Amino acid sequence: MPIDRIPFQGILPPSFFDVPSYAPVAESPATVAQLVAMEADRNETILYTDHATFRLVGIFPALSDEAYFGFWETANDLAINQQAFACLEADARQRGRVAVVGPLHFSTFHAYRLRLNEPSWGQFDREPANPSYYPVLLQQLGYQARSRFESRLVRKENIPLAYDQKKQLLDALTHIPFDVIPLNPDTWQHCEGELYELVHHVFSANPAYRPISQAQFELLYNRQFAEKLCPHSSVLFRDRLSGCLVALSFCQPNCQSLLFAPGEVPQFGRDFPRLGRKQLLVKSVGVHPAFRQQGLMSFLGAYGMVHFQELYDDVIFCLMRADNFSLHFSDTLPHETAHYALFEKPFSSISK
């Protein structure tokens, strides 16, 4: 079946959502349609599909020399991928782009990366999950890993070792020159505008980062999001001298084992008591660039440990860049690792 090339003109064709989802978690059609429409002003978007078993979205940002691909759904079929990616790469060359990068749904605030191996924990909230043949297909198409990431599971029996190693940090937490703000739905709402700015400063140097509007940020990160967070482990640090938020740590329990109705999202207060084995997900941790080299990353980690033993069995440090300092916190502890990658095909290797 031939591949159709369909420039986005305000609405996705019905067949976009008829293509089977090969990932274990189904997407929300309304959310996807809203995202594509919101991004239309700053991206040219082209759909490549056979309307039955395959789809691929080419994304051409207005202010970038790269093209992205995303919303990729495919069976293990090299031929149809060769046809579709050739169309995407031709469009990239025509627009003077130097590389094709993906999977990346417009920005790193949304879904991106592929998971490269199958961990024991299944899939946690917002973790990339894809068939094992996806990275193999990309490699056959000439793509290579551009950035690598890891998640690390540390089990209960190894947690006491962490406490022994970090005891000085735990003891020093009460003496640091920062206000410690436990993060819950109320403090989230109070700090919402500042959080938007802090998240931008913390993560803007990440590979493939693109800023989003505050309106789009608040669609993703809001009171409903804050209700998922563990209020005993999630925290903000505020510098007493400047009054600015300077560090953040977003943590939540892994609710994968619970059943939720379509559209229902986890809530810590309601769902934590329902969990059997309790895993803490350390999701987003970072420090404002102007306040780095002051040990704040270590203090964020220490804060998360204060109530850990009484509440949780295991911890997963989620989706950390492989070269990120944050990974050092678990370097000396026995751990299970899941690997992920963002892929690229540089312009020079895109065949004419």
Protein backbone atom coordinates (compact mmCIF):
# COMPACT_ATOMS: atom_id res chain seq x y z
CA MET A 1 0.00 0.00 0.00
CA PRO A 2 1.49 3.40 -0.96
CA ILE A 3 2.33 6.09 1.58
CA ASP A 4 0.26 9.27 1.41
CA ARG A 5 1.92 12.58 2.25
CA ILE A 6 -0.60 14.87 3.98
CA PRO A 7 0.37 18.40 5.10
CA PHE A 8 -1.43 19.34 8.32
CA GLN A 9 -4.13 21.94 7.64
CA GLY A 10 -5.85 22.34 10.97
CA ILE A 11 -7.25 18.86 11.53
CA LEU A 12 -5.84 15.35 11.57
CA PRO A 13 -7.50 12.84 9.21
CA PRO A 14 -9.70 10.22 10.94
CA SER A 15 -7.33 7.47 9.82
CA PHE A 16 -4.61 8.98 12.03
CA PHE A 17 -6.29 7.37 15.02
CA ASP A 18 -7.35 4.22 13.14
CA VAL A 19 -3.75 3.03 12.84
CA PRO A 20 -3.20 0.43 15.59
CA SER A 21 -1.19 1.51 18.60
CA TYR A 22 1.81 -0.79 18.88
CA ALA A 23 2.85 0.66 22.24
CA PRO A 24 1.33 -0.83 25.42
CA VAL A 25 -0.46 2.37 26.48
CA ALA A 26 -3.06 3.90 24.16
CA GLU A 27 -2.85 7.61 23.43
CA SER A 28 -5.64 10.12 23.97
CA PRO A 29 -6.93 11.29 20.55
CA ALA A 30 -8.22 14.56 22.01
CA THR A 31 -4.87 15.33 23.65
CA VAL A 32 -2.90 14.53 20.50
CA ALA A 33 -5.21 16.61 18.29
CA GLN A 34 -4.96 19.54 20.71
CA LEU A 35 -1.16 19.34 20.81
CA VAL A 36 -0.75 19.22 17.02
CA ALA A 37 -3.12 22.18 16.63
CA MET A 38 -1.34 24.20 19.33
CA GLU A 39 2.03 23.63 17.69
CA ALA A 40 0.87 24.49 14.16
CA ASP A 41 1.91 28.14 14.42
CA ARG A 42 5.59 27.36 14.93
CA ASN A 43 5.96 24.06 13.06
CA GLU A 44 5.20 22.83 9.58
CA THR A 45 3.71 19.38 10.13
CA ILE A 46 3.36 16.61 7.54
CA LEU A 47 1.72 13.20 8.03
CA TYR A 48 2.99 10.12 6.19
CA THR A 49 0.57 7.19 6.40
CA ASP A 50 -0.95 4.21 4.64
CA HIS A 51 -4.18 4.82 6.64
CA ALA A 52 -4.14 1.23 7.92
CA THR A 53 -1.00 0.01 9.67
CA PHE A 54 1.52 2.85 9.59
CA ARG A 55 1.82 6.52 10.44
CA LEU A 56 4.67 8.98 10.89
CA VAL A 57 4.61 12.73 11.52
CA GLY A 58 7.34 14.97 10.17
CA ILE A 59 7.85 18.14 12.20
CA PHE A 60 9.71 21.11 10.75
CA PRO A 61 10.19 23.80 13.42
CA ALA A 62 10.31 27.35 12.13
CA LEU A 63 13.39 28.27 14.17
CA SER A 64 15.50 25.14 13.86
CA ASP A 65 17.91 23.66 11.35
CA GLU A 66 16.68 20.16 12.21
CA ALA A 67 13.54 18.19 11.42
CA TYR A 68 11.84 15.90 13.93
CA PHE A 69 9.73 12.80 13.58
CA GLY A 70 7.10 11.65 16.04
CA PHE A 71 3.73 9.93 16.56
CA TRP A 72 5.31 6.88 14.91
CA GLU A 73 3.21 3.72 14.80
CA THR A 74 4.39 0.76 12.76
CA ALA A 75 4.40 -3.00 12.47
CA ASN A 76 7.78 -4.71 12.10
CA ASP A 77 7.89 -3.88 8.40
CA LEU A 78 11.15 -2.45 7.06
CA ALA A 79 9.85 -1.80 3.54
CA ILE A 80 7.03 0.55 4.54
CA ASN A 81 9.37 2.40 6.91
CA GLN A 82 11.94 2.81 4.15
CA GLN A 83 9.27 4.35 1.95
CA ALA A 84 7.90 6.72 4.59
CA PHE A 85 11.22 7.83 6.05
CA ALA A 86 12.53 8.47 2.53
CA CYS A 87 9.64 10.91 2.04
CA LEU A 88 10.36 12.58 5.38
CA GLU A 89 14.08 12.84 4.65
CA ALA A 90 13.40 14.30 1.20
CA ASP A 91 11.20 16.95 2.82
CA ALA A 92 13.97 17.64 5.35
CA ARG A 93 16.56 18.11 2.62
CA GLN A 94 14.25 20.33 0.61
CA ARG A 95 13.88 22.61 3.65
CA GLY A 96 17.60 22.78 4.26
CA ARG A 97 17.56 20.79 7.50
CA VAL A 98 20.86 19.29 8.68
CA ALA A 99 19.41 16.25 10.48
CA VAL A 100 16.27 14.31 11.31
CA VAL A 101 15.82 13.69 15.05
CA GLY A 102 13.31 11.59 16.94
CA PRO A 103 11.05 10.27 18.10
CA LEU A 104 10.14 13.67 19.50
CA HIS A 105 6.60 15.04 19.77
CA PHE A 106 7.44 18.71 19.14
CA SER A 107 9.42 19.24 22.36
CA THR A 108 10.89 17.39 25.31
CA PHE A 109 7.89 18.44 27.40
CA HIS A 110 5.99 15.76 25.47
CA ALA A 111 6.73 12.15 24.54
CA TYR A 112 10.18 11.48 23.13
CA ARG A 113 12.89 8.76 23.08
CA LEU A 114 12.69 4.99 22.61
CA ARG A 115 13.20 2.39 25.32
CA LEU A 116 15.97 -0.04 24.37
CA ASN A 117 15.39 -2.91 26.81
CA GLU A 118 12.54 -4.37 28.85
CA PRO A 119 12.87 -3.73 32.61
CA SER A 120 11.22 -5.73 35.37
CA TRP A 121 8.86 -2.92 36.41
CA GLY A 122 6.71 -2.81 33.27
CA GLN A 123 6.08 0.86 32.50
CA PHE A 124 5.88 3.79 34.88
CA ASP A 125 3.98 7.04 34.27
CA ARG A 126 5.16 8.81 31.08
CA GLU A 127 7.95 6.30 30.49
CA PRO A 128 8.68 5.57 26.82
CA ALA A 129 7.43 2.09 25.98
CA ASN A 130 7.64 0.63 22.51
CA PRO A 131 8.03 -2.71 20.75
CA SER A 132 11.60 -3.99 20.82
CA TYR A 133 11.84 -3.81 17.03
CA TYR A 134 11.48 0.00 16.95
CA PRO A 135 15.15 0.81 17.65
CA VAL A 136 16.19 -2.02 15.32
CA LEU A 137 14.16 -0.48 12.47
CA LEU A 138 15.73 2.92 13.07
CA GLN A 139 19.22 1.46 12.94
CA GLN A 140 18.35 -0.32 9.69
CA LEU A 141 17.19 3.04 8.34
CA GLY A 142 20.54 4.63 9.17
CA TYR A 143 19.64 6.33 12.46
CA GLN A 144 21.94 6.33 15.46
CA ALA A 145 21.60 7.22 19.12
CA ARG A 146 22.11 10.93 19.64
CA SER A 147 21.45 11.11 23.39
CA ARG A 148 21.19 8.26 25.88
CA PHE A 149 19.18 8.04 29.08
CA GLU A 150 18.77 5.64 31.99
CA SER A 151 16.26 4.68 34.67
CA ARG A 152 17.64 2.89 37.72
CA LEU A 153 15.70 0.74 40.17
CA VAL A 154 17.22 0.43 43.65
CA ARG A 155 15.54 -2.27 45.73
CA LYS A 156 14.56 -2.14 49.38
CA GLU A 157 17.38 -4.37 50.60
CA ASN A 158 19.97 -1.91 49.25
CA ILE A 159 18.39 1.27 50.64
CA PRO A 160 20.09 1.15 54.10
CA LEU A 161 23.45 1.45 52.32
CA ALA A 162 22.25 4.73 50.81
CA TYR A 163 21.37 6.09 54.24
CA ASP A 164 24.81 5.20 55.56
CA GLN A 165 26.48 6.96 52.63
CA LYS A 166 24.33 10.10 52.76
CA LYS A 167 24.06 10.56 56.55
CA GLN A 168 26.04 13.83 56.55
CA LEU A 169 23.73 15.30 53.91
CA LEU A 170 20.66 14.27 55.86
CA ASP A 171 22.05 15.85 59.01
CA ALA A 172 22.89 19.09 57.14
CA LEU A 173 19.44 19.55 55.55
CA THR A 174 18.16 21.71 58.42
CA HIS A 175 21.10 24.11 58.09
CA ILE A 176 21.12 24.96 54.38
CA PRO A 177 20.50 28.66 53.48
CA PHE A 178 17.36 27.85 51.49
CA ASP A 179 13.70 27.63 52.41
CA VAL A 180 12.47 24.07 51.93
CA ILE A 181 8.95 24.00 50.44
CA PRO A 182 7.20 20.60 50.43
CA LEU A 183 5.38 20.29 47.12
CA ASN A 184 1.65 19.52 47.19
CA PRO A 185 -1.34 20.77 45.16
CA ASP A 186 -1.68 23.94 47.25
CA THR A 187 1.99 24.96 47.13
CA TRP A 188 2.01 24.10 43.42
CA GLN A 189 -0.79 26.56 42.71
CA HIS A 190 0.88 29.22 44.84
CA CYS A 191 4.17 28.85 42.93
CA GLU A 192 2.80 28.00 39.47
CA GLY A 193 4.15 31.02 37.61
CA GLU A 194 7.57 30.71 39.23
CA LEU A 195 7.65 26.99 38.45
CA TYR A 196 7.22 27.68 34.75
CA GLU A 197 10.28 29.94 34.82
CA LEU A 198 12.32 27.55 36.98
CA VAL A 199 11.61 24.54 34.76
CA HIS A 200 12.78 26.53 31.74
CA HIS A 201 16.03 27.55 33.42
CA VAL A 202 16.74 24.07 34.76
CA PHE A 203 16.12 22.07 31.60
CA SER A 204 16.78 24.48 28.71
CA ALA A 205 20.27 23.04 28.11
CA ASN A 206 18.91 19.52 27.58
CA PRO A 207 19.26 17.97 24.11
CA ALA A 208 16.36 18.89 21.80
CA TYR A 209 14.79 21.20 24.42
CA ARG A 210 12.37 23.77 23.00
CA PRO A 211 10.48 26.23 25.21
CA ILE A 212 6.71 26.12 25.34
CA SER A 213 4.21 28.80 26.27
CA GLN A 214 3.01 29.12 29.84
CA ALA A 215 -0.48 28.15 28.62
CA GLN A 216 0.84 24.88 27.18
CA PHE A 217 2.92 24.28 30.32
CA GLU A 218 -0.18 24.65 32.49
CA LEU A 219 -2.05 22.11 30.37
CA LEU A 220 0.62 19.56 31.26
CA TYR A 221 1.71 20.65 34.72
CA ASN A 222 -1.08 21.89 36.94
CA ARG A 223 -2.99 21.02 40.10
CA GLN A 224 -4.04 17.67 38.63
CA PHE A 225 -0.38 16.86 37.99
CA ALA A 226 0.52 17.97 41.52
CA GLU A 227 -2.08 15.60 42.97
CA LYS A 228 0.03 12.69 41.66
CA LEU A 229 3.14 13.86 43.50
CA CYS A 230 4.33 12.44 46.79
CA PRO A 231 4.07 15.41 49.20
CA HIS A 232 6.68 13.81 51.48
CA SER A 233 9.38 13.52 48.79
CA SER A 234 8.64 16.33 46.30
CA VAL A 235 10.17 19.67 47.17
CA LEU A 236 11.18 23.15 46.06
CA PHE A 237 14.15 25.13 47.42
CA ARG A 238 13.89 28.91 47.60
CA ASP A 239 16.99 31.08 47.99
CA ARG A 240 16.52 33.28 51.04
CA LEU A 241 18.66 36.12 49.71
CA SER A 242 17.09 36.56 46.26
CA GLY A 243 13.67 35.08 47.05
CA CYS A 244 13.86 32.97 43.88
CA LEU A 245 13.00 29.31 43.46
CA VAL A 246 16.29 27.61 42.67
CA ALA A 247 15.75 23.82 42.79
CA LEU A 248 12.99 21.28 42.28
CA SER A 249 12.33 17.60 42.77
CA PHE A 250 9.13 15.97 41.47
CA CYS A 251 8.53 12.47 42.88
CA GLN A 252 5.47 10.24 42.81
CA PRO A 253 4.49 6.67 43.66
CA ASN A 254 4.39 4.15 40.83
CA CYS A 255 0.66 3.46 40.37
CA GLN A 256 1.08 1.18 37.34
CA SER A 257 -0.40 -1.79 39.22
CA LEU A 258 -3.71 0.02 39.84
CA LEU A 259 -6.63 0.10 37.42
CA PHE A 260 -7.98 3.48 36.37
CA ALA A 261 -11.00 4.44 34.29
CA PRO A 262 -10.29 6.11 30.91
CA GLY A 263 -9.16 9.67 31.56
CA GLU A 264 -8.71 9.09 35.29
CA VAL A 265 -5.34 10.09 36.72
CA PRO A 266 -3.64 8.92 39.92
CA GLN A 267 -3.99 10.92 43.12
CA PHE A 268 -1.54 10.40 45.95
CA GLY A 269 -4.07 10.80 48.75
CA ARG A 270 -6.56 8.37 47.23
CA ASP A 271 -4.29 5.81 45.63
CA PHE A 272 -1.18 5.45 47.79
CA PRO A 273 -2.96 3.31 50.43
CA ARG A 274 -4.17 0.98 47.64
CA LEU A 275 -0.67 0.06 46.51
CA GLY A 276 0.95 -3.22 47.46
CA ARG A 277 4.70 -2.89 46.95
CA LYS A 278 5.36 0.83 46.98
CA GLN A 279 7.87 2.24 44.50
CA LEU A 280 8.93 5.88 44.52
CA LEU A 281 9.49 7.42 41.08
CA VAL A 282 12.07 10.21 41.13
CA LYS A 283 10.84 11.94 37.97
CA SER A 284 12.32 15.44 37.55
CA VAL A 285 15.18 16.84 39.59
CA GLY A 286 17.18 19.95 38.83
CA VAL A 287 18.89 23.13 39.96
CA HIS A 288 18.87 26.63 38.44
CA PRO A 289 22.17 27.13 36.55
CA ALA A 290 23.07 30.14 38.70
CA PHE A 291 22.95 27.99 41.85
CA ARG A 292 24.80 24.90 40.70
CA GLN A 293 28.06 23.75 42.28
CA GLN A 294 26.55 24.33 45.72
CA GLY A 295 25.60 20.73 46.43
CA LEU A 296 21.87 21.31 45.90
CA MET A 297 21.42 18.18 43.79
CA SER A 298 22.74 16.11 46.68
CA PHE A 299 20.46 17.92 49.13
CA LEU A 300 17.45 17.26 46.88
CA GLY A 301 18.33 13.58 46.93
CA ALA A 302 18.78 13.64 50.68
CA TYR A 303 15.39 15.33 51.16
CA GLY A 304 13.71 12.54 49.21
CA MET A 305 15.23 10.01 51.59
CA VAL A 306 13.89 11.60 54.79
CA HIS A 307 10.55 9.74 54.73
CA PHE A 308 11.50 7.04 52.25
CA GLN A 309 12.01 4.14 54.64
CA GLU A 310 8.67 4.59 56.36
CA LEU A 311 6.69 4.93 53.10
CA TYR A 312 8.37 3.03 50.25
CA ASP A 313 9.99 -0.27 49.35
CA ASP A 314 11.93 0.61 46.19
CA VAL A 315 12.92 3.70 44.21
CA ILE A 316 13.29 4.28 40.47
CA PHE A 317 15.42 7.22 39.34
CA CYS A 318 13.61 7.98 36.09
CA LEU A 319 14.89 8.95 32.65
CA MET A 320 18.14 10.60 33.65
CA ARG A 321 20.56 11.60 30.90
CA ALA A 322 23.42 9.10 30.83
CA ASP A 323 25.91 11.94 31.39
CA ASN A 324 23.81 13.61 34.10
CA PHE A 325 25.33 14.23 37.52
CA SER A 326 22.06 13.00 39.06
CA LEU A 327 22.98 9.41 38.20
CA HIS A 328 25.93 9.54 40.59
CA PHE A 329 23.52 9.42 43.53
CA SER A 330 22.90 5.73 42.79
CA ASP A 331 26.28 4.81 41.26
CA THR A 332 27.51 2.91 44.31
CA LEU A 333 24.22 1.09 44.97
CA PRO A 334 23.21 -2.20 43.32
CA HIS A 335 20.57 -1.33 40.71
CA GLU A 336 18.64 -2.51 37.67
CA THR A 337 18.91 -0.26 34.62
CA ALA A 338 16.62 0.51 31.69
CA HIS A 339 18.17 2.27 28.70
CA TYR A 340 16.63 4.77 26.28
CA ALA A 341 17.80 6.85 23.33
CA LEU A 342 16.86 9.79 21.16
CA PHE A 343 17.91 9.03 17.59
CA GLU A 344 19.21 11.12 14.71
CA LYS A 345 20.20 10.84 11.09
CA PRO A 346 22.54 13.67 10.09
CA PHE A 347 21.98 15.41 6.78
CA SER A 348 25.25 14.13 5.38
CA SER A 349 24.01 10.54 5.70
CA ILE A 350 20.55 11.17 4.22
CA SER A 351 20.70 9.69 0.75
CA LYS A 352 19.78 11.86 -2.18
